[in-house]
């Protein structure tokens, strides 16, 4: 038996001085029956360490966008939105 799950994949990059420092991905099921799966990878530790505030801000912004899409899929059923 074949079971299919539709999902949305989102990618983002934190770029400092033209260099990709953090790569972020998220998968969100369109059925809304699982939480989003968010991953991040530091691609350049040296630049990341020197720019923690900016990189973490980019990560936070990425996660906010993921949650926004997740909330749209859930149709406002999430108790955080009430």
PDB file of N, CA and C in Angstrom:
ATOM      1  N   UNK A   1       0.840  -1.173   0.000  1.00  0.00           N
ATOM      2  CA  UNK A   1       0.000   0.000   0.000  1.00  0.00           C
ATOM      3  C   UNK A   1       0.883   1.234   0.000  1.00  0.00           C
ATOM      4  N   UNK A   2       0.595   2.133  -0.896  1.00  0.00           N
ATOM      5  CA  UNK A   2       1.356   3.372  -1.024  1.00  0.00           C
ATOM      6  C   UNK A   2       0.678   4.471  -0.232  1.00  0.00           C
ATOM      7  N   UNK A   3       1.414   5.089   0.659  1.00  0.00           N
ATOM      8  CA  UNK A   3       0.945   6.263   1.396  1.00  0.00           C
ATOM      9  C   UNK A   3       1.774   7.456   0.956  1.00  0.00           C
ATOM     10  N   UNK A   4       1.117   8.523   0.599  1.00  0.00           N
ATOM     11  CA  UNK A   4       1.808   9.740   0.178  1.00  0.00           C
ATOM     12  C   UNK A   4       1.551  10.854   1.175  1.00  0.00           C
ATOM     13  N   UNK A   5       2.546  11.671   1.366  1.00  0.00           N
ATOM     14  CA  UNK A   5       2.417  12.853   2.198  1.00  0.00           C
ATOM     15  C   UNK A   5       2.917  14.042   1.392  1.00  0.00           C
ATOM     16  N   UNK A   6       2.098  15.056   1.277  1.00  0.00           N
ATOM     17  CA  UNK A   6       2.518  16.288   0.619  1.00  0.00           C
ATOM     18  C   UNK A   6       3.217  17.167   1.645  1.00  0.00           C
ATOM     19  N   UNK A   7       4.253  17.827   1.183  1.00  0.00           N
ATOM     20  CA  UNK A   7       4.936  18.743   2.086  1.00  0.00           C
ATOM     21  C   UNK A   7       5.477  19.930   1.312  1.00  0.00           C
ATOM     22  N   UNK A   8       5.772  20.960   2.071  1.00  0.00           N
ATOM     23  CA  UNK A   8       6.391  22.167   1.532  1.00  0.00           C
ATOM     24  C   UNK A   8       7.813  22.198   2.068  1.00  0.00           C
ATOM     25  N   UNK A   9       8.778  22.409   1.183  1.00  0.00           N
ATOM     26  CA  UNK A   9      10.165  22.543   1.619  1.00  0.00           C
ATOM     27  C   UNK A   9      10.575  23.997   1.446  1.00  0.00           C
ATOM     28  N   UNK A  10      11.178  24.528   2.492  1.00  0.00           N
ATOM     29  CA  UNK A  10      11.638  25.916   2.496  1.00  0.00           C
ATOM     30  C   UNK A  10      13.140  25.902   2.774  1.00  0.00           C
ATOM     31  N   UNK A  11      13.881  26.712   2.052  1.00  0.00           N
ATOM     32  CA  UNK A  11      15.310  26.843   2.320  1.00  0.00           C
ATOM     33  C   UNK A  11      15.637  28.310   2.545  1.00  0.00           C
ATOM     34  N   UNK A  12      16.664  28.543   3.326  1.00  0.00           N
ATOM     35  CA  UNK A  12      17.121  29.904   3.577  1.00  0.00           C
ATOM     36  C   UNK A  12      18.616  29.909   3.829  1.00  0.00           C
ATOM     37  N   UNK A  13      19.224  31.031   3.604  1.00  0.00           N
ATOM     38  CA  UNK A  13      20.655  31.180   3.846  1.00  0.00           C
ATOM     39  C   UNK A  13      20.909  32.480   4.582  1.00  0.00           C
ATOM     40  N   UNK A  14      21.804  32.408   5.548  1.00  0.00           N
ATOM     41  CA  UNK A  14      22.312  33.615   6.185  1.00  0.00           C
ATOM     42  C   UNK A  14      23.616  33.945   5.464  1.00  0.00           C
ATOM     43  N   UNK A  15      23.632  35.100   4.811  1.00  0.00           N
ATOM     44  CA  UNK A  15      24.782  35.488   3.997  1.00  0.00           C
ATOM     45  C   UNK A  15      25.425  36.727   4.615  1.00  0.00           C
ATOM     46  N   UNK A  16      26.717  36.632   4.856  1.00  0.00           N
ATOM     47  CA  UNK A  16      27.504  37.741   5.413  1.00  0.00           C
ATOM     48  C   UNK A  16      28.631  38.049   4.430  1.00  0.00           C
ATOM     49  N   UNK A  17      28.724  39.293   3.996  1.00  0.00           N
ATOM     50  CA  UNK A  17      29.773  39.713   3.052  1.00  0.00           C
ATOM     51  C   UNK A  17      29.876  38.773   1.858  1.00  0.00           C
ATOM     52  N   UNK A  18      28.726  38.380   1.326  1.00  0.00           N
ATOM     53  CA  UNK A  18      28.700  37.537   0.138  1.00  0.00           C
ATOM     54  C   UNK A  18      28.979  36.060   0.387  1.00  0.00           C
ATOM     55  N   UNK A  19      29.189  35.678   1.643  1.00  0.00           N
ATOM     56  CA  UNK A  19      29.496  34.279   1.992  1.00  0.00           C
ATOM     57  C   UNK A  19      28.303  33.647   2.685  1.00  0.00           C
ATOM     58  N   UNK A  20      27.909  32.460   2.226  1.00  0.00           N
ATOM     59  CA  UNK A  20      26.855  31.716   2.916  1.00  0.00           C
ATOM     60  C   UNK A  20      27.433  31.195   4.222  1.00  0.00           C
ATOM     61  N   UNK A  21      26.814  31.589   5.321  1.00  0.00           N
ATOM     62  CA  UNK A  21      27.316  31.226   6.639  1.00  0.00           C
ATOM     63  C   UNK A  21      26.454  30.139   7.275  1.00  0.00           C
ATOM     64  N   UNK A  22      25.141  30.282   7.161  1.00  0.00           N
ATOM     65  CA  UNK A  22      24.210  29.298   7.717  1.00  0.00           C
ATOM     66  C   UNK A  22      23.229  28.906   6.620  1.00  0.00           C
ATOM     67  N   UNK A  23      22.996  27.599   6.486  1.00  0.00           N
ATOM     68  CA  UNK A  23      22.016  27.062   5.541  1.00  0.00           C
ATOM     69  C   UNK A  23      20.887  26.472   6.366  1.00  0.00           C
ATOM     70  N   UNK A  24      19.654  26.861   6.049  1.00  0.00           N
ATOM     71  CA  UNK A  24      18.493  26.411   6.819  1.00  0.00           C
ATOM     72  C   UNK A  24      17.489  25.735   5.891  1.00  0.00           C
ATOM     73  N   UNK A  25      16.883  24.667   6.372  1.00  0.00           N
ATOM     74  CA  UNK A  25      15.822  23.997   5.633  1.00  0.00           C
ATOM     75  C   UNK A  25      14.676  23.682   6.580  1.00  0.00           C
ATOM     76  N   UNK A  26      13.494  23.599   6.004  1.00  0.00           N
ATOM     77  CA  UNK A  26      12.326  23.200   6.780  1.00  0.00           C
ATOM     78  C   UNK A  26      11.398  22.411   5.873  1.00  0.00           C
ATOM     79  N   UNK A  27      10.788  21.391   6.428  1.00  0.00           N
ATOM     80  CA  UNK A  27       9.745  20.632   5.749  1.00  0.00           C
ATOM     81  C   UNK A  27       8.487  20.730   6.583  1.00  0.00           C
ATOM     82  N   UNK A  28       7.386  21.076   5.915  1.00  0.00           N
ATOM     83  CA  UNK A  28       6.102  21.222   6.590  1.00  0.00           C
ATOM     84  C   UNK A  28       5.104  20.344   5.840  1.00  0.00           C
ATOM     85  N   UNK A  29       4.464  19.411   6.545  1.00  0.00           N
ATOM     86  CA  UNK A  29       3.452  18.594   5.887  1.00  0.00           C
ATOM     87  C   UNK A  29       2.216  19.448   5.648  1.00  0.00           C
ATOM     88  N   UNK A  30       1.612  19.299   4.486  1.00  0.00           N
ATOM     89  CA  UNK A  30       0.432  20.093   4.163  1.00  0.00           C
ATOM     90  C   UNK A  30      -0.817  19.573   4.861  1.00  0.00           C
ATOM     91  N   UNK A  31      -0.749  18.363   5.422  1.00  0.00           N
ATOM     92  CA  UNK A  31      -1.892  17.831   6.171  1.00  0.00           C
ATOM     93  C   UNK A  31      -1.990  18.447   7.560  1.00  0.00           C
ATOM     94  N   UNK A  32      -0.905  19.041   8.041  1.00  0.00           N
ATOM     95  CA  UNK A  32      -0.914  19.672   9.349  1.00  0.00           C
ATOM     96  C   UNK A  32      -0.945  18.681  10.497  1.00  0.00           C
ATOM     97  N   UNK A  33      -0.564  17.428  10.223  1.00  0.00           N
ATOM     98  CA  UNK A  33      -0.609  16.408  11.266  1.00  0.00           C
ATOM     99  C   UNK A  33       0.737  16.167  11.936  1.00  0.00           C
ATOM    100  N   UNK A  34       1.743  16.912  11.551  1.00  0.00           N
ATOM    101  CA  UNK A  34       3.063  16.806  12.163  1.00  0.00           C
ATOM    102  C   UNK A  34       3.665  18.199  12.275  1.00  0.00           C
ATOM    103  N   UNK A  35       4.477  18.405  13.287  1.00  0.00           N
ATOM    104  CA  UNK A  35       5.135  19.711  13.384  1.00  0.00           C
ATOM    105  C   UNK A  35       6.184  19.870  12.290  1.00  0.00           C
ATOM    106  N   UNK A  36       6.512  21.097  11.979  1.00  0.00           N
ATOM    107  CA  UNK A  36       7.552  21.368  10.984  1.00  0.00           C
ATOM    108  C   UNK A  36       8.883  20.808  11.455  1.00  0.00           C
ATOM    109  N   UNK A  37       9.674  20.353  10.510  1.00  0.00           N
ATOM    110  CA  UNK A  37      11.016  19.852  10.779  1.00  0.00           C
ATOM    111  C   UNK A  37      11.994  20.916  10.280  1.00  0.00           C
ATOM    112  N   UNK A  38      12.690  21.576  11.204  1.00  0.00           N
ATOM    113  CA  UNK A  38      13.606  22.670  10.864  1.00  0.00           C
ATOM    114  C   UNK A  38      15.038  22.239  11.163  1.00  0.00           C
ATOM    115  N   UNK A  39      15.935  22.457  10.197  1.00  0.00           N
ATOM    116  CA  UNK A  39      17.349  22.131  10.362  1.00  0.00           C
ATOM    117  C   UNK A  39      18.198  23.320   9.970  1.00  0.00           C
ATOM    118  N   UNK A  40      19.337  23.434  10.600  1.00  0.00           N
ATOM    119  CA  UNK A  40      20.289  24.476  10.215  1.00  0.00           C
ATOM    120  C   UNK A  40      21.698  23.902  10.277  1.00  0.00           C
ATOM    121  N   UNK A  41      22.519  24.368   9.345  1.00  0.00           N
ATOM    122  CA  UNK A  41      23.914  23.936   9.276  1.00  0.00           C
ATOM    123  C   UNK A  41      24.798  25.167   9.156  1.00  0.00           C
ATOM    124  N   UNK A  42      25.797  25.244  10.007  1.00  0.00           N
ATOM    125  CA  UNK A  42      26.762  26.340   9.922  1.00  0.00           C
ATOM    126  C   UNK A  42      27.791  25.953   8.866  1.00  0.00           C
ATOM    127  N   UNK A  43      27.874  26.754   7.831  1.00  0.00           N
ATOM    128  CA  UNK A  43      28.754  26.464   6.704  1.00  0.00           C
ATOM    129  C   UNK A  43      30.145  27.090   6.887  1.00  0.00           C
ATOM    130  N   UNK A  44      30.228  28.156   7.679  1.00  0.00           N
ATOM    131  CA  UNK A  44      31.503  28.834   7.904  1.00  0.00           C
ATOM    132  C   UNK A  44      31.560  29.248   9.378  1.00  0.00           C
ATOM    133  N   UNK A  45      32.188  28.413  10.187  1.00  0.00           N
ATOM    134  CA  UNK A  45      32.222  28.626  11.633  1.00  0.00           C
ATOM    135  C   UNK A  45      32.906  29.937  12.014  1.00  0.00           C
ATOM    136  N   UNK A  46      33.954  30.291  11.308  1.00  0.00           N
ATOM    137  CA  UNK A  46      34.704  31.516  11.633  1.00  0.00           C
ATOM    138  C   UNK A  46      33.831  32.757  11.455  1.00  0.00           C
ATOM    139  N   UNK A  47      33.164  32.866  10.312  1.00  0.00           N
ATOM    140  CA  UNK A  47      32.297  34.023  10.066  1.00  0.00           C
ATOM    141  C   UNK A  47      31.095  33.992  11.006  1.00  0.00           C
ATOM    142  N   UNK A  48      30.561  32.805  11.249  1.00  0.00           N
ATOM    143  CA  UNK A  48      29.433  32.655  12.174  1.00  0.00           C
ATOM    144  C   UNK A  48      29.816  33.181  13.558  1.00  0.00           C
ATOM    145  N   UNK A  49      30.960  32.781  14.049  1.00  0.00           N
ATOM    146  CA  UNK A  49      31.408  33.198  15.383  1.00  0.00           C
ATOM    147  C   UNK A  49      31.578  34.705  15.486  1.00  0.00           C
ATOM    148  N   UNK A  50      32.017  35.325  14.404  1.00  0.00           N
ATOM    149  CA  UNK A  50      32.219  36.779  14.404  1.00  0.00           C
ATOM    150  C   UNK A  50      30.919  37.554  14.214  1.00  0.00           C
ATOM    151  N   UNK A  51      29.866  36.878  13.759  1.00  0.00           N
ATOM    152  CA  UNK A  51      28.608  37.553  13.432  1.00  0.00           C
ATOM    153  C   UNK A  51      27.415  36.839  14.058  1.00  0.00           C
ATOM    154  N   UNK A  52      27.572  36.411  15.304  1.00  0.00           N
ATOM    155  CA  UNK A  52      26.524  35.643  15.981  1.00  0.00           C
ATOM    156  C   UNK A  52      25.176  36.352  15.973  1.00  0.00           C
ATOM    157  N   UNK A  53      25.186  37.626  16.283  1.00  0.00           N
ATOM    158  CA  UNK A  53      23.928  38.367  16.401  1.00  0.00           C
ATOM    159  C   UNK A  53      23.174  38.366  15.069  1.00  0.00           C
ATOM    160  N   UNK A  54      23.851  38.670  13.988  1.00  0.00           N
ATOM    161  CA  UNK A  54      23.200  38.725  12.682  1.00  0.00           C
ATOM    162  C   UNK A  54      22.753  37.329  12.223  1.00  0.00           C
ATOM    163  N   UNK A  55      23.603  36.335  12.414  1.00  0.00           N
ATOM    164  CA  UNK A  55      23.243  34.970  12.016  1.00  0.00           C
ATOM    165  C   UNK A  55      22.049  34.455  12.813  1.00  0.00           C
ATOM    166  N   UNK A  56      22.058  34.689  14.105  1.00  0.00           N
ATOM    167  CA  UNK A  56      20.940  34.239  14.939  1.00  0.00           C
ATOM    168  C   UNK A  56      19.662  34.987  14.603  1.00  0.00           C
ATOM    169  N   UNK A  57      19.783  36.226  14.220  1.00  0.00           N
ATOM    170  CA  UNK A  57      18.613  36.987  13.786  1.00  0.00           C
ATOM    171  C   UNK A  57      18.033  36.381  12.504  1.00  0.00           C
ATOM    172  N   UNK A  58      18.907  36.008  11.572  1.00  0.00           N
ATOM    173  CA  UNK A  58      18.455  35.362  10.338  1.00  0.00           C
ATOM    174  C   UNK A  58      17.770  34.031  10.645  1.00  0.00           C
ATOM    175  N   UNK A  59      18.322  33.249  11.567  1.00  0.00           N
ATOM    176  CA  UNK A  59      17.726  31.970  11.958  1.00  0.00           C
ATOM    177  C   UNK A  59      16.345  32.210  12.564  1.00  0.00           C
ATOM    178  N   UNK A  60      16.252  33.206  13.426  1.00  0.00           N
ATOM    179  CA  UNK A  60      14.969  33.539  14.056  1.00  0.00           C
ATOM    180  C   UNK A  60      13.946  33.963  13.006  1.00  0.00           C
ATOM    181  N   UNK A  61      14.360  34.773  12.042  1.00  0.00           N
ATOM    182  CA  UNK A  61      13.467  35.215  10.972  1.00  0.00           C
ATOM    183  C   UNK A  61      13.014  34.031  10.116  1.00  0.00           C
ATOM    184  N   UNK A  62      13.918  33.121   9.828  1.00  0.00           N
ATOM    185  CA  UNK A  62      13.575  31.931   9.056  1.00  0.00           C
ATOM    186  C   UNK A  62      12.530  31.103   9.801  1.00  0.00           C
ATOM    187  N   UNK A  63      12.781  30.868  11.086  1.00  0.00           N
ATOM    188  CA  UNK A  63      11.835  30.088  11.881  1.00  0.00           C
ATOM    189  C   UNK A  63      10.473  30.777  11.955  1.00  0.00           C
ATOM    190  N   UNK A  64      10.454  32.098  12.036  1.00  0.00           N
ATOM    191  CA  UNK A  64       9.186  32.838  12.074  1.00  0.00           C
ATOM    192  C   UNK A  64       8.400  32.610  10.780  1.00  0.00           C
ATOM    193  N   UNK A  65       9.091  32.599   9.646  1.00  0.00           N
ATOM    194  CA  UNK A  65       8.428  32.347   8.370  1.00  0.00           C
ATOM    195  C   UNK A  65       7.882  30.920   8.313  1.00  0.00           C
ATOM    196  N   UNK A  66       8.642  29.964   8.832  1.00  0.00           N
ATOM    197  CA  UNK A  66       8.190  28.571   8.872  1.00  0.00           C
ATOM    198  C   UNK A  66       6.931  28.466   9.721  1.00  0.00           C
ATOM    199  N   UNK A  67       6.936  29.086  10.897  1.00  0.00           N
ATOM    200  CA  UNK A  67       5.772  29.030  11.782  1.00  0.00           C
ATOM    201  C   UNK A  67       4.560  29.704  11.145  1.00  0.00           C
ATOM    202  N   UNK A  68       4.788  30.774  10.407  1.00  0.00           N
ATOM    203  CA  UNK A  68       3.689  31.467   9.729  1.00  0.00           C
ATOM    204  C   UNK A  68       3.021  30.523   8.723  1.00  0.00           C
ATOM    205  N   UNK A  69       3.814  29.832   7.937  1.00  0.00           N
ATOM    206  CA  UNK A  69       3.272  28.889   6.955  1.00  0.00           C
ATOM    207  C   UNK A  69       2.589  27.725   7.665  1.00  0.00           C
ATOM    208  N   UNK A  70       3.216  27.233   8.730  1.00  0.00           N
ATOM    209  CA  UNK A  70       2.637  26.133   9.496  1.00  0.00           C
ATOM    210  C   UNK A  70       1.267  26.547  10.062  1.00  0.00           C
ATOM    211  N   UNK A  71       1.176  27.749  10.576  1.00  0.00           N
ATOM    212  CA  UNK A  71      -0.091  28.254  11.118  1.00  0.00           C
ATOM    213  C   UNK A  71      -1.154  28.382  10.028  1.00  0.00           C
ATOM    214  N   UNK A  72      -0.755  28.810   8.840  1.00  0.00           N
ATOM    215  CA  UNK A  72      -1.700  28.906   7.726  1.00  0.00           C
ATOM    216  C   UNK A  72      -2.250  27.524   7.373  1.00  0.00           C
ATOM    217  N   UNK A  73      -1.379  26.512   7.386  1.00  0.00           N
ATOM    218  CA  UNK A  73      -1.809  25.148   7.086  1.00  0.00           C
ATOM    219  C   UNK A  73      -2.774  24.645   8.152  1.00  0.00           C
ATOM    220  N   UNK A  74      -2.483  24.968   9.397  1.00  0.00           N
ATOM    221  CA  UNK A  74      -3.346  24.532  10.501  1.00  0.00           C
ATOM    222  C   UNK A  74      -4.646  25.320  10.535  1.00  0.00           C
ATOM    223  N   UNK A  75      -4.741  26.369   9.763  1.00  0.00           N
ATOM    224  CA  UNK A  75      -5.966  27.152   9.689  1.00  0.00           C
ATOM    225  C   UNK A  75      -6.312  27.877  10.977  1.00  0.00           C
ATOM    226  N   UNK A  76      -5.298  28.289  11.715  1.00  0.00           N
ATOM    227  CA  UNK A  76      -5.568  29.010  12.958  1.00  0.00           C
ATOM    228  C   UNK A  76      -6.018  28.110  14.097  1.00  0.00           C
ATOM    229  N   UNK A  77      -5.861  26.797  13.924  1.00  0.00           N
ATOM    230  CA  UNK A  77      -6.274  25.865  14.975  1.00  0.00           C
ATOM    231  C   UNK A  77      -5.298  25.799  16.133  1.00  0.00           C
ATOM    232  N   UNK A  78      -4.121  26.365  15.926  1.00  0.00           N
ATOM    233  CA  UNK A  78      -3.085  26.335  16.960  1.00  0.00           C
ATOM    234  C   UNK A  78      -3.488  27.235  18.110  1.00  0.00           C
ATOM    235  N   UNK A  79      -3.369  26.739  19.319  1.00  0.00           N
ATOM    236  CA  UNK A  79      -3.785  27.507  20.503  1.00  0.00           C
ATOM    237  C   UNK A  79      -2.963  28.772  20.714  1.00  0.00           C
ATOM    238  N   UNK A  80      -1.763  28.836  20.111  1.00  0.00           N
ATOM    239  CA  UNK A  80      -0.930  30.038  20.236  1.00  0.00           C
ATOM    240  C   UNK A  80      -1.609  31.214  19.544  1.00  0.00           C
ATOM    241  N   UNK A  81      -2.385  30.956  18.501  1.00  0.00           N
ATOM    242  CA  UNK A  81      -3.034  32.025  17.754  1.00  0.00           C
ATOM    243  C   UNK A  81      -4.315  32.516  18.408  1.00  0.00           C
ATOM    244  N   UNK A  82      -4.806  31.865  19.434  1.00  0.00           N
ATOM    245  CA  UNK A  82      -6.077  32.244  20.051  1.00  0.00           C
ATOM    246  C   UNK A  82      -5.904  33.317  21.085  1.00  0.00           C
TER     247      UNK A  82
END
